[in-house]
N, C-alpha and C. Protein backbone atom coordinates (compact mmCIF):
# COMPACT_ATOMS: atom_id res chain seq x y z
N MET A 1 -76.93 -30.53 -116.41
CA MET A 1 -76.42 -30.86 -115.10
C MET A 1 -76.09 -32.35 -115.01
N LYS A 2 -76.98 -33.18 -115.54
CA LYS A 2 -76.77 -34.63 -115.47
C LYS A 2 -75.54 -35.03 -116.29
N ARG A 3 -75.39 -34.42 -117.45
CA ARG A 3 -74.24 -34.73 -118.30
C ARG A 3 -72.94 -34.33 -117.61
N ARG A 4 -72.95 -33.20 -116.96
CA ARG A 4 -71.77 -32.71 -116.24
C ARG A 4 -71.39 -33.66 -115.12
N LEU A 5 -72.37 -34.15 -114.39
CA LEU A 5 -72.12 -35.09 -113.30
C LEU A 5 -71.52 -36.39 -113.83
N VAL A 6 -72.02 -36.86 -114.95
CA VAL A 6 -71.49 -38.08 -115.55
C VAL A 6 -70.04 -37.88 -115.97
N LEU A 7 -69.71 -36.73 -116.56
CA LEU A 7 -68.34 -36.46 -116.98
C LEU A 7 -67.39 -36.37 -115.78
N VAL A 8 -67.84 -35.75 -114.72
CA VAL A 8 -67.01 -35.66 -113.51
C VAL A 8 -66.80 -37.05 -112.92
N ALA A 9 -67.85 -37.84 -112.86
CA ALA A 9 -67.72 -39.21 -112.33
C ALA A 9 -66.78 -40.05 -113.18
N LEU A 10 -66.86 -39.89 -114.48
CA LEU A 10 -65.97 -40.62 -115.38
C LEU A 10 -64.52 -40.18 -115.19
N ALA A 11 -64.29 -38.90 -115.05
CA ALA A 11 -62.94 -38.40 -114.84
C ALA A 11 -62.34 -38.92 -113.53
N VAL A 12 -63.15 -38.93 -112.48
CA VAL A 12 -62.68 -39.45 -111.19
C VAL A 12 -62.39 -40.94 -111.29
N ALA A 13 -63.25 -41.68 -111.97
CA ALA A 13 -63.06 -43.12 -112.11
C ALA A 13 -61.78 -43.44 -112.88
N VAL A 14 -61.52 -42.70 -113.94
CA VAL A 14 -60.30 -42.93 -114.72
C VAL A 14 -59.07 -42.61 -113.88
N GLN A 15 -59.12 -41.56 -113.09
CA GLN A 15 -57.98 -41.22 -112.26
C GLN A 15 -57.74 -42.25 -111.17
N LEU A 16 -58.81 -42.78 -110.61
CA LEU A 16 -58.65 -43.76 -109.53
C LEU A 16 -58.25 -45.12 -110.07
N VAL A 17 -58.84 -45.51 -111.18
CA VAL A 17 -58.61 -46.86 -111.69
C VAL A 17 -57.38 -46.92 -112.59
N GLY A 18 -57.12 -45.90 -113.37
CA GLY A 18 -56.01 -45.93 -114.30
C GLY A 18 -54.70 -45.46 -113.71
N CYS A 19 -54.46 -45.72 -112.46
CA CYS A 19 -53.28 -45.17 -111.81
C CYS A 19 -51.99 -45.84 -112.26
N ALA A 20 -52.01 -47.08 -112.71
CA ALA A 20 -50.78 -47.73 -113.16
C ALA A 20 -50.24 -47.04 -114.40
N THR A 21 -51.09 -46.64 -115.29
CA THR A 21 -50.66 -45.93 -116.49
C THR A 21 -50.04 -44.59 -116.12
N VAL A 22 -50.71 -43.85 -115.30
CA VAL A 22 -50.21 -42.54 -114.88
C VAL A 22 -48.88 -42.70 -114.14
N SER A 23 -48.80 -43.67 -113.27
CA SER A 23 -47.58 -43.88 -112.49
C SER A 23 -46.39 -44.24 -113.38
N THR A 24 -46.60 -45.15 -114.31
CA THR A 24 -45.48 -45.58 -115.16
C THR A 24 -45.02 -44.48 -116.09
N LEU A 25 -45.94 -43.69 -116.62
CA LEU A 25 -45.55 -42.61 -117.51
C LEU A 25 -44.89 -41.47 -116.74
N ASN A 26 -45.28 -41.26 -115.50
CA ASN A 26 -44.65 -40.23 -114.68
C ASN A 26 -43.26 -40.65 -114.20
N ALA A 27 -43.03 -41.95 -114.08
CA ALA A 27 -41.75 -42.44 -113.58
C ALA A 27 -40.60 -42.11 -114.53
N ALA A 28 -40.86 -42.19 -115.83
CA ALA A 28 -39.86 -41.87 -116.86
C ALA A 28 -38.54 -42.61 -116.62
N LYS A 29 -38.63 -43.88 -116.27
CA LYS A 29 -37.43 -44.68 -116.04
C LYS A 29 -36.83 -45.07 -117.40
N PRO A 30 -35.54 -44.84 -117.59
CA PRO A 30 -34.91 -45.22 -118.85
C PRO A 30 -35.02 -46.73 -119.08
N GLY A 31 -35.43 -47.11 -120.26
CA GLY A 31 -35.56 -48.52 -120.61
C GLY A 31 -36.88 -49.16 -120.21
N ALA A 32 -37.72 -48.44 -119.50
CA ALA A 32 -39.02 -48.99 -119.10
C ALA A 32 -39.97 -48.98 -120.30
N PRO A 33 -40.90 -49.92 -120.35
CA PRO A 33 -41.87 -49.93 -121.44
C PRO A 33 -42.71 -48.66 -121.43
N ILE A 34 -43.05 -48.16 -122.61
CA ILE A 34 -43.87 -46.97 -122.72
C ILE A 34 -45.23 -47.31 -123.31
N VAL A 35 -45.25 -48.10 -124.36
CA VAL A 35 -46.51 -48.47 -125.01
C VAL A 35 -47.25 -49.46 -124.12
N TYR A 36 -48.47 -49.12 -123.75
CA TYR A 36 -49.31 -49.91 -122.84
C TYR A 36 -48.58 -50.22 -121.53
N SER A 37 -47.89 -49.25 -121.00
CA SER A 37 -47.09 -49.46 -119.79
C SER A 37 -47.92 -49.81 -118.57
N GLY A 38 -49.05 -49.15 -118.36
CA GLY A 38 -49.89 -49.45 -117.21
C GLY A 38 -50.52 -50.83 -117.29
N THR A 39 -50.98 -51.18 -118.48
CA THR A 39 -51.56 -52.51 -118.69
C THR A 39 -50.51 -53.59 -118.47
N ARG A 40 -49.30 -53.34 -118.98
CA ARG A 40 -48.23 -54.31 -118.81
C ARG A 40 -47.84 -54.46 -117.34
N LEU A 41 -47.84 -53.36 -116.62
CA LEU A 41 -47.53 -53.42 -115.18
C LEU A 41 -48.59 -54.23 -114.44
N ASP A 42 -49.86 -54.00 -114.76
CA ASP A 42 -50.93 -54.77 -114.11
C ASP A 42 -50.80 -56.25 -114.41
N LEU A 43 -50.55 -56.61 -115.66
CA LEU A 43 -50.41 -58.02 -116.02
C LEU A 43 -49.18 -58.63 -115.35
N TYR A 44 -48.11 -57.88 -115.28
CA TYR A 44 -46.89 -58.33 -114.61
C TYR A 44 -47.17 -58.64 -113.14
N ALA A 45 -47.90 -57.75 -112.49
CA ALA A 45 -48.23 -57.95 -111.07
C ALA A 45 -49.18 -59.13 -110.89
N MET A 46 -50.13 -59.28 -111.79
CA MET A 46 -51.08 -60.39 -111.68
C MET A 46 -50.40 -61.74 -111.88
N LYS A 47 -49.33 -61.77 -112.68
CA LYS A 47 -48.60 -63.02 -112.90
C LYS A 47 -47.56 -63.28 -111.81
N GLY A 48 -47.46 -62.36 -110.85
CA GLY A 48 -46.55 -62.58 -109.73
C GLY A 48 -45.13 -62.11 -109.98
N GLY A 49 -44.96 -61.10 -110.80
CA GLY A 49 -43.63 -60.57 -111.07
C GLY A 49 -42.97 -60.08 -109.79
N CYS A 50 -41.69 -60.34 -109.68
CA CYS A 50 -41.01 -60.07 -108.41
C CYS A 50 -40.59 -58.63 -108.20
N CYS A 51 -40.21 -57.93 -109.24
CA CYS A 51 -39.56 -56.63 -109.05
C CYS A 51 -40.11 -55.58 -110.02
N PRO A 52 -41.33 -55.10 -109.81
CA PRO A 52 -41.87 -54.12 -110.75
C PRO A 52 -41.10 -52.79 -110.73
N GLU A 53 -40.49 -52.44 -109.58
CA GLU A 53 -39.74 -51.19 -109.52
C GLU A 53 -38.53 -51.21 -110.45
N ASP A 54 -37.89 -52.38 -110.56
CA ASP A 54 -36.73 -52.49 -111.44
C ASP A 54 -37.12 -52.41 -112.91
N ARG A 55 -38.25 -52.97 -113.25
CA ARG A 55 -38.66 -53.01 -114.66
C ARG A 55 -39.43 -51.77 -115.09
N PHE A 56 -40.36 -51.28 -114.25
CA PHE A 56 -41.25 -50.19 -114.63
C PHE A 56 -40.94 -48.87 -113.92
N GLY A 57 -40.16 -48.90 -112.86
CA GLY A 57 -39.82 -47.69 -112.13
C GLY A 57 -40.81 -47.31 -111.05
N VAL A 58 -41.86 -48.08 -110.88
CA VAL A 58 -42.87 -47.81 -109.85
C VAL A 58 -43.35 -49.12 -109.24
N ALA A 59 -43.96 -49.02 -108.08
CA ALA A 59 -44.55 -50.20 -107.44
C ALA A 59 -45.86 -50.56 -108.15
N ALA A 60 -46.19 -51.82 -108.13
CA ALA A 60 -47.44 -52.28 -108.73
C ALA A 60 -48.62 -51.85 -107.87
N PRO A 61 -49.78 -51.65 -108.48
CA PRO A 61 -50.96 -51.30 -107.68
C PRO A 61 -51.36 -52.46 -106.77
N ARG A 62 -52.05 -52.13 -105.70
CA ARG A 62 -52.47 -53.17 -104.75
C ARG A 62 -53.43 -54.16 -105.37
N TYR A 63 -54.33 -53.67 -106.20
CA TYR A 63 -55.35 -54.52 -106.83
C TYR A 63 -55.22 -54.40 -108.34
N PRO A 64 -54.26 -55.10 -108.93
CA PRO A 64 -54.02 -54.94 -110.37
C PRO A 64 -55.20 -55.39 -111.23
N ALA A 65 -55.96 -56.38 -110.79
CA ALA A 65 -57.11 -56.83 -111.59
C ALA A 65 -58.18 -55.74 -111.65
N LEU A 66 -58.32 -54.97 -110.59
CA LEU A 66 -59.27 -53.87 -110.57
C LEU A 66 -58.76 -52.68 -111.39
N ASP A 67 -57.47 -52.50 -111.41
CA ASP A 67 -56.85 -51.40 -112.13
C ASP A 67 -56.74 -51.67 -113.64
N LEU A 68 -56.74 -52.92 -114.04
CA LEU A 68 -56.49 -53.30 -115.43
C LEU A 68 -57.44 -52.67 -116.44
N PRO A 69 -58.76 -52.68 -116.27
CA PRO A 69 -59.63 -52.09 -117.29
C PRO A 69 -59.39 -50.59 -117.49
N GLY A 70 -59.22 -49.86 -116.42
CA GLY A 70 -58.97 -48.43 -116.54
C GLY A 70 -57.63 -48.14 -117.18
N SER A 71 -56.62 -48.91 -116.81
CA SER A 71 -55.30 -48.72 -117.41
C SER A 71 -55.32 -49.06 -118.89
N ALA A 72 -56.01 -50.12 -119.27
CA ALA A 72 -56.11 -50.48 -120.68
C ALA A 72 -56.80 -49.37 -121.47
N LEU A 73 -57.84 -48.79 -120.91
CA LEU A 73 -58.55 -47.71 -121.57
C LEU A 73 -57.65 -46.48 -121.72
N LEU A 74 -56.99 -46.10 -120.66
CA LEU A 74 -56.12 -44.92 -120.71
C LEU A 74 -54.91 -45.16 -121.61
N ASP A 75 -54.35 -46.37 -121.59
CA ASP A 75 -53.24 -46.69 -122.49
C ASP A 75 -53.68 -46.62 -123.94
N THR A 76 -54.89 -47.03 -124.23
CA THR A 76 -55.41 -46.97 -125.59
C THR A 76 -55.60 -45.52 -126.05
N VAL A 77 -56.11 -44.69 -125.16
CA VAL A 77 -56.28 -43.27 -125.49
C VAL A 77 -54.92 -42.61 -125.74
N LEU A 78 -53.92 -42.98 -124.97
CA LEU A 78 -52.59 -42.39 -125.09
C LEU A 78 -51.68 -43.11 -126.09
N LEU A 79 -52.19 -44.10 -126.79
CA LEU A 79 -51.38 -44.90 -127.71
C LEU A 79 -50.67 -44.08 -128.78
N PRO A 80 -51.33 -43.13 -129.44
CA PRO A 80 -50.59 -42.36 -130.46
C PRO A 80 -49.38 -41.62 -129.89
N LEU A 81 -49.53 -41.03 -128.72
CA LEU A 81 -48.40 -40.33 -128.11
C LEU A 81 -47.31 -41.30 -127.67
N SER A 82 -47.71 -42.46 -127.18
CA SER A 82 -46.73 -43.47 -126.75
C SER A 82 -45.91 -43.97 -127.93
N VAL A 83 -46.57 -44.23 -129.04
CA VAL A 83 -45.86 -44.73 -130.23
C VAL A 83 -44.90 -43.66 -130.76
N LEU A 84 -45.35 -42.41 -130.79
CA LEU A 84 -44.47 -41.34 -131.24
C LEU A 84 -43.25 -41.20 -130.33
N THR A 85 -43.45 -41.37 -129.04
CA THR A 85 -42.34 -41.29 -128.09
C THR A 85 -41.35 -42.41 -128.32
N VAL A 86 -41.84 -43.62 -128.54
CA VAL A 86 -40.96 -44.77 -128.79
C VAL A 86 -40.18 -44.57 -130.09
N LEU A 87 -40.83 -43.99 -131.10
CA LEU A 87 -40.16 -43.75 -132.38
C LEU A 87 -39.18 -42.58 -132.33
N GLY A 88 -39.19 -41.83 -131.23
CA GLY A 88 -38.25 -40.74 -131.08
C GLY A 88 -38.72 -39.42 -131.66
N VAL A 89 -39.99 -39.33 -131.98
CA VAL A 89 -40.53 -38.08 -132.52
C VAL A 89 -40.73 -37.12 -131.35
N GLU A 90 -40.14 -35.96 -131.46
CA GLU A 90 -40.30 -34.95 -130.41
C GLU A 90 -41.32 -33.92 -130.86
N PHE A 91 -42.11 -33.48 -129.95
CA PHE A 91 -43.10 -32.44 -130.26
C PHE A 91 -43.15 -31.48 -129.09
N GLN A 92 -43.41 -30.25 -129.40
CA GLN A 92 -43.51 -29.20 -128.39
C GLN A 92 -44.96 -28.76 -128.31
N ALA A 93 -45.53 -28.86 -127.16
CA ALA A 93 -46.91 -28.43 -126.95
C ALA A 93 -46.89 -27.17 -126.11
N THR A 94 -47.52 -26.13 -126.62
CA THR A 94 -47.63 -24.90 -125.86
C THR A 94 -49.07 -24.47 -125.86
N GLY A 95 -49.40 -23.65 -124.97
CA GLY A 95 -50.77 -23.15 -124.93
C GLY A 95 -51.16 -22.81 -123.51
N GLY A 96 -52.41 -22.76 -123.31
CA GLY A 96 -52.91 -22.42 -121.99
C GLY A 96 -53.68 -21.13 -122.05
N LEU A 97 -54.10 -20.71 -120.91
CA LEU A 97 -54.86 -19.47 -120.85
C LEU A 97 -53.99 -18.30 -120.54
């Protein structure tokens, strides 16, 4: 029970904190950065970038410094898929119940 609660809390924390990564990958804006996109968006916002919608396709999070650790973690987990996408490797995933 305790392990399950920790996993649920971790999943909720990643979803709440890593929103820049999820937002940028969902935007699918042509020409937008893919590798470490959420981390790059957070750093861009922290440095005072003027137009994140033009560069990343989404608005910057309200608190980029708070979002940065979660986005960096999620970007690292998704790094192999991001690199394959940039290299143009296509893959088909099927499955489910």
